[in-house]
C-alpha atoms as a PDB file:
ATOM      1  CA  MET A   1     -45.616 -31.971  39.379  1.00  0.00           C
ATOM      2  CA  LYS A   2     -45.913 -33.128  35.769  1.00  0.00           C
ATOM      3  CA  LYS A   3     -46.546 -29.544  34.596  1.00  0.00           C
ATOM      4  CA  MET A   4     -43.501 -28.370  36.542  1.00  0.00           C
ATOM      5  CA  MET A   5     -41.304 -31.045  34.918  1.00  0.00           C
ATOM      6  CA  LEU A   6     -42.551 -30.065  31.452  1.00  0.00           C
ATOM      7  CA  PHE A   7     -41.880 -26.398  32.215  1.00  0.00           C
ATOM      8  CA  ILE A   8     -38.319 -27.144  33.373  1.00  0.00           C
ATOM      9  CA  PHE A   9     -37.702 -29.333  30.308  1.00  0.00           C
ATOM     10  CA  ALA A  10     -38.984 -26.591  27.970  1.00  0.00           C
ATOM     11  CA  LEU A  11     -36.824 -24.011  29.767  1.00  0.00           C
ATOM     12  CA  LEU A  12     -33.735 -26.199  29.406  1.00  0.00           C
ATOM     13  CA  LEU A  13     -34.402 -26.626  25.682  1.00  0.00           C
ATOM     14  CA  LEU A  14     -34.779 -22.860  25.282  1.00  0.00           C
ATOM     15  CA  LEU A  15     -31.570 -22.136  27.188  1.00  0.00           C
ATOM     16  CA  SER A  16     -29.755 -24.788  25.187  1.00  0.00           C
ATOM     17  CA  ALA A  17     -30.938 -23.261  21.904  1.00  0.00           C
ATOM     18  CA  CYS A  18     -29.916 -19.779  23.025  1.00  0.00           C
ATOM     19  CA  GLY A  19     -26.566 -21.111  24.104  1.00  0.00           C
ATOM     20  CA  ASN A  20     -25.985 -22.778  20.750  1.00  0.00           C
ATOM     21  CA  ASN A  21     -26.963 -19.650  18.824  1.00  0.00           C
ATOM     22  CA  SER A  22     -24.722 -17.548  21.019  1.00  0.00           C
ATOM     23  CA  GLU A  23     -21.882 -20.003  20.613  1.00  0.00           C
ATOM     24  CA  GLU A  24     -22.286 -20.029  16.836  1.00  0.00           C
ATOM     25  CA  SER A  25     -22.343 -16.237  16.587  1.00  0.00           C
ATOM     26  CA  GLU A  26     -19.324 -15.942  18.856  1.00  0.00           C
ATOM     27  CA  ASP A  27     -17.379 -18.625  17.016  1.00  0.00           C
ATOM     28  CA  LEU A  28     -17.797 -17.218  13.502  1.00  0.00           C
ATOM     29  CA  LYS A  29     -16.461 -13.823  12.513  1.00  0.00           C
ATOM     30  CA  ASP A  30     -18.498 -12.029   9.834  1.00  0.00           C
ATOM     31  CA  ILE A  31     -16.460 -11.255   6.710  1.00  0.00           C
ATOM     32  CA  LYS A  32     -17.520  -9.398   3.564  1.00  0.00           C
ATOM     33  CA  PHE A  33     -15.866 -10.442   0.294  1.00  0.00           C
ATOM     34  CA  VAL A  34     -16.619  -8.242  -2.723  1.00  0.00           C
ATOM     35  CA  LEU A  35     -16.455  -9.473  -6.313  1.00  0.00           C
ATOM     36  CA  ASP A  36     -15.246  -7.290  -9.155  1.00  0.00           C
ATOM     37  CA  TRP A  37     -17.943  -8.352 -11.572  1.00  0.00           C
ATOM     38  CA  THR A  38     -20.602 -10.986 -12.210  1.00  0.00           C
ATOM     39  CA  PRO A  39     -19.607 -14.302 -10.588  1.00  0.00           C
ATOM     40  CA  ASN A  40     -17.401 -16.369 -12.883  1.00  0.00           C
ATOM     41  CA  THR A  41     -14.606 -18.939 -12.799  1.00  0.00           C
ATOM     42  CA  ASN A  42     -12.055 -16.396 -11.554  1.00  0.00           C
ATOM     43  CA  HIS A  43     -14.034 -16.630  -8.303  1.00  0.00           C
ATOM     44  CA  THR A  44     -14.556 -20.395  -8.065  1.00  0.00           C
ATOM     45  CA  GLY A  45     -12.122 -20.988  -5.212  1.00  0.00           C
ATOM     46  CA  ILE A  46     -14.043 -18.588  -2.972  1.00  0.00           C
ATOM     47  CA  TYR A  47     -17.357 -20.330  -3.664  1.00  0.00           C
ATOM     48  CA  VAL A  48     -15.708 -23.709  -3.061  1.00  0.00           C
ATOM     49  CA  ALA A  49     -14.245 -22.542   0.258  1.00  0.00           C
ATOM     50  CA  LYS A  50     -17.685 -21.341   1.327  1.00  0.00           C
ATOM     51  CA  GLU A  51     -19.583 -24.450   0.197  1.00  0.00           C
ATOM     52  CA  LYS A  52     -17.023 -26.930   1.521  1.00  0.00           C
ATOM     53  CA  GLY A  53     -16.945 -25.233   4.930  1.00  0.00           C
ATOM     54  CA  TYR A  54     -13.290 -24.191   4.679  1.00  0.00           C
ATOM     55  CA  PHE A  55     -14.106 -20.678   5.892  1.00  0.00           C
ATOM     56  CA  LYS A  56     -16.140 -22.040   8.803  1.00  0.00           C
ATOM     57  CA  GLU A  57     -13.229 -24.307   9.751  1.00  0.00           C
ATOM     58  CA  GLN A  58     -11.238 -21.089  10.161  1.00  0.00           C
ATOM     59  CA  GLY A  59     -13.990 -19.457  12.231  1.00  0.00           C
ATOM     60  CA  LEU A  60     -15.205 -17.189   9.442  1.00  0.00           C
ATOM     61  CA  ASP A  61     -18.684 -16.544   8.046  1.00  0.00           C
ATOM     62  CA  VAL A  62     -17.991 -15.116   4.585  1.00  0.00           C
ATOM     63  CA  GLU A  63     -20.653 -13.162   2.713  1.00  0.00           C
ATOM     64  CA  ILE A  64     -19.933 -12.760  -1.011  1.00  0.00           C
ATOM     65  CA  ILE A  65     -21.217  -9.405  -2.267  1.00  0.00           C
ATOM     66  CA  MET A  66     -21.308  -7.521  -5.564  1.00  0.00           C
ATOM     67  CA  PRO A  67     -19.916  -4.010  -5.977  1.00  0.00           C
ATOM     68  CA  GLY A  68     -22.538  -1.316  -6.342  1.00  0.00           C
ATOM     69  CA  GLU A  69     -21.890   2.272  -7.321  1.00  0.00           C
ATOM     70  CA  ALA A  70     -18.555   2.012  -5.533  1.00  0.00           C
ATOM     71  CA  SER A  71     -15.976  -0.263  -7.149  1.00  0.00           C
ATOM     72  CA  ALA A  72     -14.541  -3.331  -5.445  1.00  0.00           C
ATOM     73  CA  ASP A  73     -11.246  -1.482  -4.904  1.00  0.00           C
ATOM     74  CA  GLN A  74     -13.042   1.410  -3.199  1.00  0.00           C
ATOM     75  CA  LEU A  75     -14.971  -0.938  -0.913  1.00  0.00           C
ATOM     76  CA  ILE A  76     -11.806  -2.859   0.012  1.00  0.00           C
ATOM     77  CA  ALA A  77      -9.699   0.255   0.576  1.00  0.00           C
ATOM     78  CA  SER A  78     -12.369   1.899   2.762  1.00  0.00           C
ATOM     79  CA  GLY A  79     -12.944  -1.239   4.840  1.00  0.00           C
ATOM     80  CA  GLN A  80     -16.568  -1.619   3.712  1.00  0.00           C
ATOM     81  CA  ALA A  81     -15.428  -5.013   2.421  1.00  0.00           C
ATOM     82  CA  ASP A  82     -12.742  -6.973   4.243  1.00  0.00           C
ATOM     83  CA  PHE A  83     -11.420  -8.706   1.130  1.00  0.00           C
ATOM     84  CA  GLY A  84     -12.228  -8.783  -2.559  1.00  0.00           C
ATOM     85  CA  ILE A  85     -11.196  -9.233  -6.165  1.00  0.00           C
ATOM     86  CA  SER A  86      -8.853  -6.664  -7.667  1.00  0.00           C
ATOM     87  CA  TYR A  87      -6.168  -6.376 -10.353  1.00  0.00           C
ATOM     88  CA  GLN A  88      -2.500  -5.494 -10.366  1.00  0.00           C
ATOM     89  CA  GLU A  89      -3.149  -2.578 -12.710  1.00  0.00           C
ATOM     90  CA  GLY A  90      -5.788  -1.100 -10.387  1.00  0.00           C
ATOM     91  CA  ILE A  91      -3.736  -1.604  -7.227  1.00  0.00           C
ATOM     92  CA  THR A  92      -0.695  -0.026  -8.881  1.00  0.00           C
ATOM     93  CA  GLU A  93      -2.656   3.099  -9.785  1.00  0.00           C
ATOM     94  CA  ALA A  94      -4.374   3.196  -6.377  1.00  0.00           C
ATOM     95  CA  ARG A  95      -1.164   2.998  -4.360  1.00  0.00           C
ATOM     96  CA  ILE A  96       0.382   5.845  -6.335  1.00  0.00           C
ATOM     97  CA  GLN A  97      -2.587   7.864  -5.008  1.00  0.00           C
ATOM     98  CA  ASP A  98      -1.875   6.615  -1.462  1.00  0.00           C
ATOM     99  CA  VAL A  99      -4.918   4.317  -1.413  1.00  0.00           C
ATOM    100  CA  PRO A 100      -4.024   1.570   1.132  1.00  0.00           C
ATOM    101  CA  ILE A 101      -4.990  -1.545  -0.845  1.00  0.00           C
ATOM    102  CA  VAL A 102      -2.713  -4.603  -0.936  1.00  0.00           C
ATOM    103  CA  SER A 103      -2.693  -7.769  -3.055  1.00  0.00           C
ATOM    104  CA  ILE A 104      -2.462 -10.945  -0.953  1.00  0.00           C
ATOM    105  CA  ALA A 105      -2.748 -13.629  -3.671  1.00  0.00           C
ATOM    106  CA  ALA A 106      -2.585 -13.972  -7.451  1.00  0.00           C
ATOM    107  CA  ILE A 107      -5.690 -15.839  -8.588  1.00  0.00           C
ATOM    108  CA  ILE A 108      -4.160 -16.631 -11.993  1.00  0.00           C
ATOM    109  CA  GLN A 109      -0.390 -16.870 -12.334  1.00  0.00           C
ATOM    110  CA  HIS A 110      -0.117 -15.370 -15.836  1.00  0.00           C
ATOM    111  CA  ASN A 111      -2.102 -12.751 -17.736  1.00  0.00           C
ATOM    112  CA  THR A 112      -4.658 -14.568 -19.895  1.00  0.00           C
ATOM    113  CA  SER A 113      -6.150 -11.412 -21.420  1.00  0.00           C
ATOM    114  CA  GLY A 114      -5.764 -10.036 -24.900  1.00  0.00           C
ATOM    115  CA  PHE A 115      -7.403  -8.325 -27.846  1.00  0.00           C
ATOM    116  CA  ALA A 116     -10.060 -10.480 -29.471  1.00  0.00           C
ATOM    117  CA  SER A 117     -11.858 -10.159 -32.785  1.00  0.00           C
ATOM    118  CA  PRO A 118     -14.002 -12.412 -34.965  1.00  0.00           C
ATOM    119  CA  LYS A 119     -11.788 -14.141 -37.549  1.00  0.00           C
ATOM    120  CA  ASP A 120     -13.645 -12.524 -40.434  1.00  0.00           C
ATOM    121  CA  LYS A 121     -12.340  -9.097 -39.286  1.00  0.00           C
ATOM    122  CA  GLY A 122      -8.849 -10.163 -40.403  1.00  0.00           C
ATOM    123  CA  ILE A 123      -7.036  -8.829 -37.332  1.00  0.00           C
ATOM    124  CA  THR A 124      -4.091 -11.177 -36.845  1.00  0.00           C
ATOM    125  CA  SER A 125      -1.461  -8.765 -35.488  1.00  0.00           C
ATOM    126  CA  PRO A 126      -1.302  -5.313 -33.821  1.00  0.00           C
ATOM    127  CA  LYS A 127      -0.512  -3.799 -37.234  1.00  0.00           C
ATOM    128  CA  ASP A 128      -4.042  -4.755 -38.268  1.00  0.00           C
ATOM    129  CA  PHE A 129      -5.529  -2.506 -35.549  1.00  0.00           C
ATOM    130  CA  GLU A 130      -4.978   0.418 -37.933  1.00  0.00           C
ATOM    131  CA  GLY A 131      -8.237   1.548 -39.518  1.00  0.00           C
ATOM    132  CA  LYS A 132     -10.265  -0.542 -37.070  1.00  0.00           C
ATOM    133  CA  LYS A 133     -12.611   0.364 -34.233  1.00  0.00           C
ATOM    134  CA  TYR A 134     -11.686  -0.711 -30.692  1.00  0.00           C
ATOM    135  CA  GLY A 135     -14.372  -1.021 -28.020  1.00  0.00           C
ATOM    136  CA  GLY A 136     -13.149  -0.338 -24.490  1.00  0.00           C
ATOM    137  CA  TRP A 137     -14.213   1.064 -21.136  1.00  0.00           C
ATOM    138  CA  GLY A 138     -12.592   4.485 -21.347  1.00  0.00           C
ATOM    139  CA  ALA A 139      -9.332   4.028 -19.399  1.00  0.00           C
ATOM    140  CA  PRO A 140      -6.096   5.764 -20.516  1.00  0.00           C
ATOM    141  CA  LEU A 141      -4.385   2.417 -19.940  1.00  0.00           C
ATOM    142  CA  GLU A 142      -6.126   0.947 -22.987  1.00  0.00           C
ATOM    143  CA  LYS A 143      -4.631   3.347 -25.512  1.00  0.00           C
ATOM    144  CA  ALA A 144      -1.206   2.903 -23.920  1.00  0.00           C
ATOM    145  CA  VAL A 145      -1.382  -0.893 -24.258  1.00  0.00           C
ATOM    146  CA  LEU A 146      -2.607  -0.636 -27.855  1.00  0.00           C
ATOM    147  CA  SER A 147       0.186   1.812 -28.656  1.00  0.00           C
ATOM    148  CA  SER A 148       2.829  -0.359 -26.973  1.00  0.00           C
ATOM    149  CA  LEU A 149       1.885  -3.398 -29.061  1.00  0.00           C
ATOM    150  CA  MET A 150       1.473  -1.437 -32.301  1.00  0.00           C
ATOM    151  CA  GLN A 151       4.806   0.398 -32.007  1.00  0.00           C
ATOM    152  CA  GLN A 152       6.593  -2.951 -32.159  1.00  0.00           C
ATOM    153  CA  GLU A 153       5.233  -3.358 -35.683  1.00  0.00           C
ATOM    154  CA  GLY A 154       5.673   0.243 -36.790  1.00  0.00           C
ATOM    155  CA  ALA A 155       1.936   0.901 -36.571  1.00  0.00           C
ATOM    156  CA  ASP A 156       0.198   4.083 -35.417  1.00  0.00           C
ATOM    157  CA  VAL A 157      -2.325   3.965 -32.555  1.00  0.00           C
ATOM    158  CA  ASP A 158      -3.867   7.230 -33.755  1.00  0.00           C
ATOM    159  CA  LYS A 159      -5.209   5.287 -36.728  1.00  0.00           C
ATOM    160  CA  VAL A 160      -7.389   3.259 -34.348  1.00  0.00           C
ATOM    161  CA  GLU A 161     -10.847   4.576 -33.527  1.00  0.00           C
ATOM    162  CA  ILE A 162     -11.316   4.042 -29.782  1.00  0.00           C
ATOM    163  CA  VAL A 163     -14.894   4.037 -28.506  1.00  0.00           C
ATOM    164  CA  ASN A 164     -16.296   3.431 -25.043  1.00  0.00           C
ATOM    165  CA  ILE A 165     -18.684   0.457 -24.962  1.00  0.00           C
ATOM    166  CA  GLY A 166     -18.660   0.077 -21.164  1.00  0.00           C
ATOM    167  CA  ASP A 167     -19.974  -3.297 -20.068  1.00  0.00           C
ATOM    168  CA  ALA A 168     -21.688  -4.104 -23.380  1.00  0.00           C
ATOM    169  CA  ASP A 169     -21.779  -7.754 -24.414  1.00  0.00           C
ATOM    170  CA  PHE A 170     -18.653  -8.588 -26.440  1.00  0.00           C
ATOM    171  CA  PHE A 171     -20.486 -10.626 -29.077  1.00  0.00           C
ATOM    172  CA  THR A 172     -23.131  -7.978 -29.668  1.00  0.00           C
ATOM    173  CA  ALA A 173     -20.489  -5.230 -29.782  1.00  0.00           C
ATOM    174  CA  VAL A 174     -18.201  -6.896 -32.365  1.00  0.00           C
ATOM    175  CA  LYS A 175     -21.174  -7.751 -34.519  1.00  0.00           C
ATOM    176  CA  ARG A 176     -22.714  -4.286 -34.441  1.00  0.00           C
ATOM    177  CA  ASP A 177     -20.422  -1.545 -33.114  1.00  0.00           C
ATOM    178  CA  VAL A 178     -16.690  -2.373 -33.041  1.00  0.00           C
ATOM    179  CA  ASP A 179     -14.041  -4.610 -34.625  1.00  0.00           C
ATOM    180  CA  PHE A 180     -12.190  -5.818 -31.534  1.00  0.00           C
ATOM    181  CA  ALA A 181     -12.133  -5.630 -27.736  1.00  0.00           C
ATOM    182  CA  TRP A 182     -10.038  -6.651 -24.718  1.00  0.00           C
ATOM    183  CA  ILE A 183     -11.194  -9.919 -23.125  1.00  0.00           C
ATOM    184  CA  TYR A 184     -10.209 -12.682 -20.724  1.00  0.00           C
ATOM    185  CA  TYR A 185      -9.930 -15.784 -22.845  1.00  0.00           C
ATOM    186  CA  GLY A 186     -10.894 -18.043 -19.933  1.00  0.00           C
ATOM    187  CA  TRP A 187     -14.459 -16.713 -20.011  1.00  0.00           C
ATOM    188  CA  THR A 188     -15.326 -14.807 -23.190  1.00  0.00           C
ATOM    189  CA  GLY A 189     -12.924 -16.822 -25.346  1.00  0.00           C
ATOM    190  CA  ILE A 190     -14.393 -20.084 -24.115  1.00  0.00           C
ATOM    191  CA  GLU A 191     -17.889 -18.710 -24.705  1.00  0.00           C
ATOM    192  CA  ALA A 192     -16.863 -17.955 -28.288  1.00  0.00           C
ATOM    193  CA  GLU A 193     -15.763 -21.575 -28.714  1.00  0.00           C
ATOM    194  CA  LEU A 194     -19.117 -22.808 -27.436  1.00  0.00           C
ATOM    195  CA  ARG A 195     -20.979 -20.423 -29.750  1.00  0.00           C
ATOM    196  CA  GLY A 196     -18.939 -21.601 -32.727  1.00  0.00           C
ATOM    197  CA  THR A 197     -17.561 -18.070 -33.225  1.00  0.00           C
ATOM    198  CA  PRO A 198     -13.890 -18.349 -34.281  1.00  0.00           C
ATOM    199  CA  LEU A 199     -11.725 -15.609 -32.764  1.00  0.00           C
ATOM    200  CA  ASN A 200      -8.315 -14.175 -33.456  1.00  0.00           C
ATOM    201  CA  MET A 201      -6.549 -13.552 -30.125  1.00  0.00           C
ATOM    202  CA  ILE A 202      -3.624 -11.215 -29.622  1.00  0.00           C
ATOM    203  CA  TYR A 203      -2.339 -11.907 -26.107  1.00  0.00           C
ATOM    204  CA  LEU A 204      -0.512  -9.132 -24.271  1.00  0.00           C
ATOM    205  CA  THR A 205       2.100 -11.575 -23.001  1.00  0.00           C
ATOM    206  CA  ASP A 206       3.147 -12.420 -26.587  1.00  0.00           C
ATOM    207  CA  TYR A 207       4.396  -8.860 -27.060  1.00  0.00           C
ATOM    208  CA  SER A 208       5.820  -7.783 -23.714  1.00  0.00           C
ATOM    209  CA  GLU A 209       7.114  -9.554 -20.618  1.00  0.00           C
ATOM    210  CA  LYS A 210       6.159  -6.439 -18.642  1.00  0.00           C
ATOM    211  CA  LEU A 211       2.497  -7.003 -19.520  1.00  0.00           C
ATOM    212  CA  ASP A 212       2.484 -10.438 -17.905  1.00  0.00           C
ATOM    213  CA  TYR A 213       1.009  -9.045 -14.696  1.00  0.00           C
ATOM    214  CA  TYR A 214      -1.339 -10.529 -12.089  1.00  0.00           C
ATOM    215  CA  THR A 215      -4.966 -10.158 -13.079  1.00  0.00           C
ATOM    216  CA  PRO A 216      -7.080 -10.799 -11.078  1.00  0.00           C
ATOM    217  CA  VAL A 217      -5.848 -10.914  -7.478  1.00  0.00           C
ATOM    218  CA  ILE A 218      -7.324 -11.141  -3.982  1.00  0.00           C
ATOM    219  CA  ALA A 219      -6.871  -7.903  -2.072  1.00  0.00           C
ATOM    220  CA  THR A 220      -7.381  -6.406   1.357  1.00  0.00           C
ATOM    221  CA  ASN A 221      -6.386  -3.115   2.981  1.00  0.00           C
ATOM    222  CA  GLU A 222      -3.448  -2.148   5.177  1.00  0.00           C
ATOM    223  CA  ASP A 223      -5.606  -1.809   8.315  1.00  0.00           C
ATOM    224  CA  MET A 224      -6.698  -5.445   8.017  1.00  0.00           C
ATOM    225  CA  ILE A 225      -3.085  -6.551   7.651  1.00  0.00           C
ATOM    226  CA  ASN A 226      -1.816  -4.403  10.518  1.00  0.00           C
ATOM    227  CA  GLU A 227      -4.691  -4.836  12.971  1.00  0.00           C
ATOM    228  CA  ASN A 228      -6.288  -8.171  12.020  1.00  0.00           C
ATOM    229  CA  SER A 229      -3.439 -10.222  10.602  1.00  0.00           C
ATOM    230  CA  GLU A 230      -4.820 -13.388  12.223  1.00  0.00           C
ATOM    231  CA  THR A 231      -8.100 -12.941  10.322  1.00  0.00           C
ATOM    232  CA  VAL A 232      -6.207 -12.367   7.085  1.00  0.00           C
ATOM    233  CA  GLN A 233      -4.253 -15.573   7.689  1.00  0.00           C
ATOM    234  CA  LYS A 234      -7.415 -17.552   8.400  1.00  0.00           C
ATOM    235  CA  PHE A 235      -9.105 -16.182   5.305  1.00  0.00           C
ATOM    236  CA  MET A 236      -6.154 -17.092   3.108  1.00  0.00           C
ATOM    237  CA  ASN A 237      -5.888 -20.574   4.641  1.00  0.00           C
ATOM    238  CA  ALA A 238      -9.442 -21.243   3.496  1.00  0.00           C
ATOM    239  CA  ALA A 239      -9.235 -19.429   0.146  1.00  0.00           C
ATOM    240  CA  SER A 240      -6.025 -21.265  -0.764  1.00  0.00           C
ATOM    241  CA  LYS A 241      -7.697 -24.562   0.074  1.00  0.00           C
ATOM    242  CA  GLY A 242     -10.660 -23.574  -2.102  1.00  0.00           C
ATOM    243  CA  TYR A 243      -8.522 -22.734  -5.118  1.00  0.00           C
ATOM    244  CA  GLN A 244      -6.414 -25.867  -4.651  1.00  0.00           C
ATOM    245  CA  PHE A 245      -9.627 -27.896  -4.700  1.00  0.00           C
ATOM    246  CA  ALA A 246     -10.650 -26.093  -7.911  1.00  0.00           C
ATOM    247  CA  ILE A 247      -7.252 -26.921  -9.431  1.00  0.00           C
ATOM    248  CA  ASP A 248      -7.631 -30.614  -8.578  1.00  0.00           C
ATOM    249  CA  ASN A 249     -11.386 -30.962  -9.191  1.00  0.00           C
ATOM    250  CA  PRO A 250     -12.550 -28.697 -12.031  1.00  0.00           C
ATOM    251  CA  GLU A 251     -15.844 -30.506 -12.668  1.00  0.00           C
ATOM    252  CA  GLU A 252     -17.001 -30.589  -9.048  1.00  0.00           C
ATOM    253  CA  SER A 253     -15.851 -27.004  -8.548  1.00  0.00           C
ATOM    254  CA  ALA A 254     -17.825 -25.887 -11.589  1.00  0.00           C
ATOM    255  CA  ASN A 255     -20.924 -27.571 -10.175  1.00  0.00           C
ATOM    256  CA  ILE A 256     -20.445 -25.733  -6.869  1.00  0.00           C
ATOM    257  CA  LEU A 257     -20.329 -22.387  -8.713  1.00  0.00           C
ATOM    258  CA  ILE A 258     -23.373 -23.301 -10.822  1.00  0.00           C
ATOM    259  CA  GLU A 259     -25.361 -24.261  -7.734  1.00  0.00           C
ATOM    260  CA  ALA A 260     -24.380 -21.057  -5.936  1.00  0.00           C
ATOM    261  CA  VAL A 261     -25.198 -18.852  -8.950  1.00  0.00           C
ATOM    262  CA  PRO A 262     -28.010 -20.557 -10.911  1.00  0.00           C
ATOM    263  CA  ASP A 263     -28.234 -17.732 -13.477  1.00  0.00           C
ATOM    264  CA  LEU A 264     -24.883 -18.730 -14.983  1.00  0.00           C
ATOM    265  CA  ASP A 265     -24.751 -20.871 -18.135  1.00  0.00           C
ATOM    266  CA  PRO A 266     -23.735 -24.335 -16.854  1.00  0.00           C
ATOM    267  CA  GLU A 267     -22.055 -25.332 -20.117  1.00  0.00           C
ATOM    268  CA  LEU A 268     -19.917 -22.181 -20.097  1.00  0.00           C
ATOM    269  CA  VAL A 269     -18.974 -22.565 -16.432  1.00  0.00           C
ATOM    270  CA  LYS A 270     -17.870 -26.178 -16.923  1.00  0.00           C
ATOM    271  CA  ALA A 271     -15.863 -25.461 -20.070  1.00  0.00           C
ATOM    272  CA  SER A 272     -14.296 -22.340 -18.573  1.00  0.00           C
ATOM    273  CA  GLN A 273     -13.379 -24.171 -15.377  1.00  0.00           C
ATOM    274  CA  GLU A 274     -11.733 -26.986 -17.333  1.00  0.00           C
ATOM    275  CA  TRP A 275      -9.625 -24.404 -19.194  1.00  0.00           C
ATOM    276  CA  LEU A 276      -8.787 -22.242 -16.178  1.00  0.00           C
ATOM    277  CA  SER A 277      -8.119 -24.756 -13.387  1.00  0.00           C
ATOM    278  CA  PRO A 278      -4.592 -25.681 -14.579  1.00  0.00           C
ATOM    279  CA  ARG A 279      -3.804 -22.005 -15.138  1.00  0.00           C
ATOM    280  CA  TYR A 280      -4.530 -20.833 -11.565  1.00  0.00           C
ATOM    281  CA  GLN A 281      -1.135 -22.048 -10.353  1.00  0.00           C
ATOM    282  CA  ASP A 282       0.495 -22.803 -13.709  1.00  0.00           C
ATOM    283  CA  ASP A 283       4.297 -22.875 -13.307  1.00  0.00           C
ATOM    284  CA  ALA A 284       4.418 -21.373  -9.793  1.00  0.00           C
ATOM    285  CA  ASN A 285       5.508 -23.350  -6.722  1.00  0.00           C
ATOM    286  CA  GLN A 286       2.075 -22.884  -5.179  1.00  0.00           C
ATOM    287  CA  TRP A 287      -1.228 -21.179  -5.886  1.00  0.00           C
ATOM    288  CA  GLY A 288      -1.347 -17.452  -5.129  1.00  0.00           C
ATOM    289  CA  ILE A 289       2.371 -16.701  -5.085  1.00  0.00           C
ATOM    290  CA  GLN A 290       3.479 -13.297  -6.412  1.00  0.00           C
ATOM    291  CA  LYS A 291       6.914 -12.150  -7.563  1.00  0.00           C
ATOM    292  CA  LEU A 292       8.402  -8.738  -6.875  1.00  0.00           C
ATOM    293  CA  LYS A 293       9.788  -8.598 -10.429  1.00  0.00           C
ATOM    294  CA  VAL A 294       6.286  -8.888 -11.914  1.00  0.00           C
ATOM    295  CA  TRP A 295       5.115  -5.919  -9.850  1.00  0.00           C
ATOM    296  CA  GLU A 296       8.227  -3.912 -10.705  1.00  0.00           C
ATOM    297  CA  ASN A 297       8.023  -4.713 -14.425  1.00  0.00           C
ATOM    298  CA  TYR A 298       4.447  -3.585 -14.813  1.00  0.00           C
ATOM    299  CA  ALA A 299       4.928  -0.412 -12.745  1.00  0.00           C
ATOM    300  CA  GLU A 300       7.981   0.453 -14.878  1.00  0.00           C
ATOM    301  CA  TRP A 301       5.896  -0.086 -18.004  1.00  0.00           C
ATOM    302  CA  MET A 302       3.146   2.192 -16.668  1.00  0.00           C
ATOM    303  CA  LEU A 303       5.702   4.865 -15.731  1.00  0.00           C
ATOM    304  CA  GLU A 304       7.298   4.666 -19.190  1.00  0.00           C
ATOM    305  CA  HIS A 305       3.864   5.245 -20.746  1.00  0.00           C
ATOM    306  CA  ASP A 306       3.009   8.223 -18.514  1.00  0.00           C
ATOM    307  CA  LEU A 307       0.306   6.309 -16.655  1.00  0.00           C
ATOM    308  CA  LEU A 308       1.871   6.897 -13.226  1.00  0.00           C
ATOM    309  CA  GLU A 309       2.889  10.169 -11.604  1.00  0.00           C
ATOM    310  CA  LYS A 310       5.790   8.571  -9.731  1.00  0.00           C
ATOM    311  CA  PRO A 311       7.491   5.173  -9.268  1.00  0.00           C
ATOM    312  CA  LEU A 312       5.626   2.477  -7.333  1.00  0.00           C
ATOM    313  CA  ASP A 313       6.884   1.063  -4.046  1.00  0.00           C
ATOM    314  CA  ALA A 314       6.328  -2.441  -5.383  1.00  0.00           C
ATOM    315  CA  GLU A 315       7.272  -4.217  -2.154  1.00  0.00           C
ATOM    316  CA  ALA A 316       4.392  -2.516  -0.322  1.00  0.00           C
ATOM    317  CA  ALA A 317       1.807  -3.303  -3.032  1.00  0.00           C
ATOM    318  CA  PHE A 318       1.645  -7.064  -2.392  1.00  0.00           C
ATOM    319  CA  THR A 319       2.567  -9.751   0.105  1.00  0.00           C
ATOM    320  CA  ASN A 320       2.985 -13.538   0.128  1.00  0.00           C
ATOM    321  CA  GLU A 321       3.003 -13.512   3.932  1.00  0.00           C
ATOM    322  CA  PHE A 322      -0.463 -15.034   4.322  1.00  0.00           C
ATOM    323  CA  LEU A 323      -0.195 -17.891   1.842  1.00  0.00           C
ATOM    324  CA  PRO A 324      -0.179 -21.196   3.742  1.00  0.00           C
ATOM    325  CA  GLU A 325       3.183 -22.909   4.017  1.00  0.00           C
ATOM    326  CA  GLU A 326       3.646 -25.622   1.409  1.00  0.00           C
ATOM    327  CA  GLU A 327       3.032 -29.088   2.788  1.00  0.00           C
END
């Protein structure tokens, strides 16, 4: 009798465990989120949402993955990743080629990128690009942006030597190979401060309103929006909560990112987060919001510089539909 009771008790425990596992797997929907690059403070809100359980509250089990040979945009567009990090410039070019990728939130409200050089290079304006060597990644867009800024000062982009340095370290490159490069101040600029390397920064937004575009953004594809809109809404509920937490709590958010990605330099993450947290939302009514005019302006600029084959349907390139309603 005692053996029978023990057997029944063991069976009940087993069934209970199976039931719990089944319930957990049924309750949480697997989601793949692809980063554009090495984890950094552009991504903090996603790591916060994962660590704080915001995704689980929405019934989602989010796996954060790195792009491989295929880019983040390719993985998002093909559905191999449900969501990911993209850029307005990339989405604009992709949609002209009928690639069905859509921006669903601006991570940073204003463009914080620009051309950076060590102060001893003496590059204080686009005119000073003449006779210098620029290190880029080989996109036609780069020469067009350089030209656009230089033309305003009567300078000639053909007097700039443009070389492809790929993903080379900025500090190594400007010391050894080139005079200036295009960076995000919130990461590389802050790293320069910590290294005690004074930089001259020429921000794109200081020279053209049309270059104040959304970079980076969170993106998905049209199939997700059309066929799984509820999942998109749940994802954005959690992601928005994660970025709002990062806005309000930069130090704790930085620690969450450091714990999730131990290879990162803790000092850099904390300093970068302090700088970036107030810039996520900046002057917008809420985090993530995107304006049609910003999308139209940048597409017009690209068209004017022969970077697009035809005008962009800007309204189809982004949506604010899935941002949570303001409380």
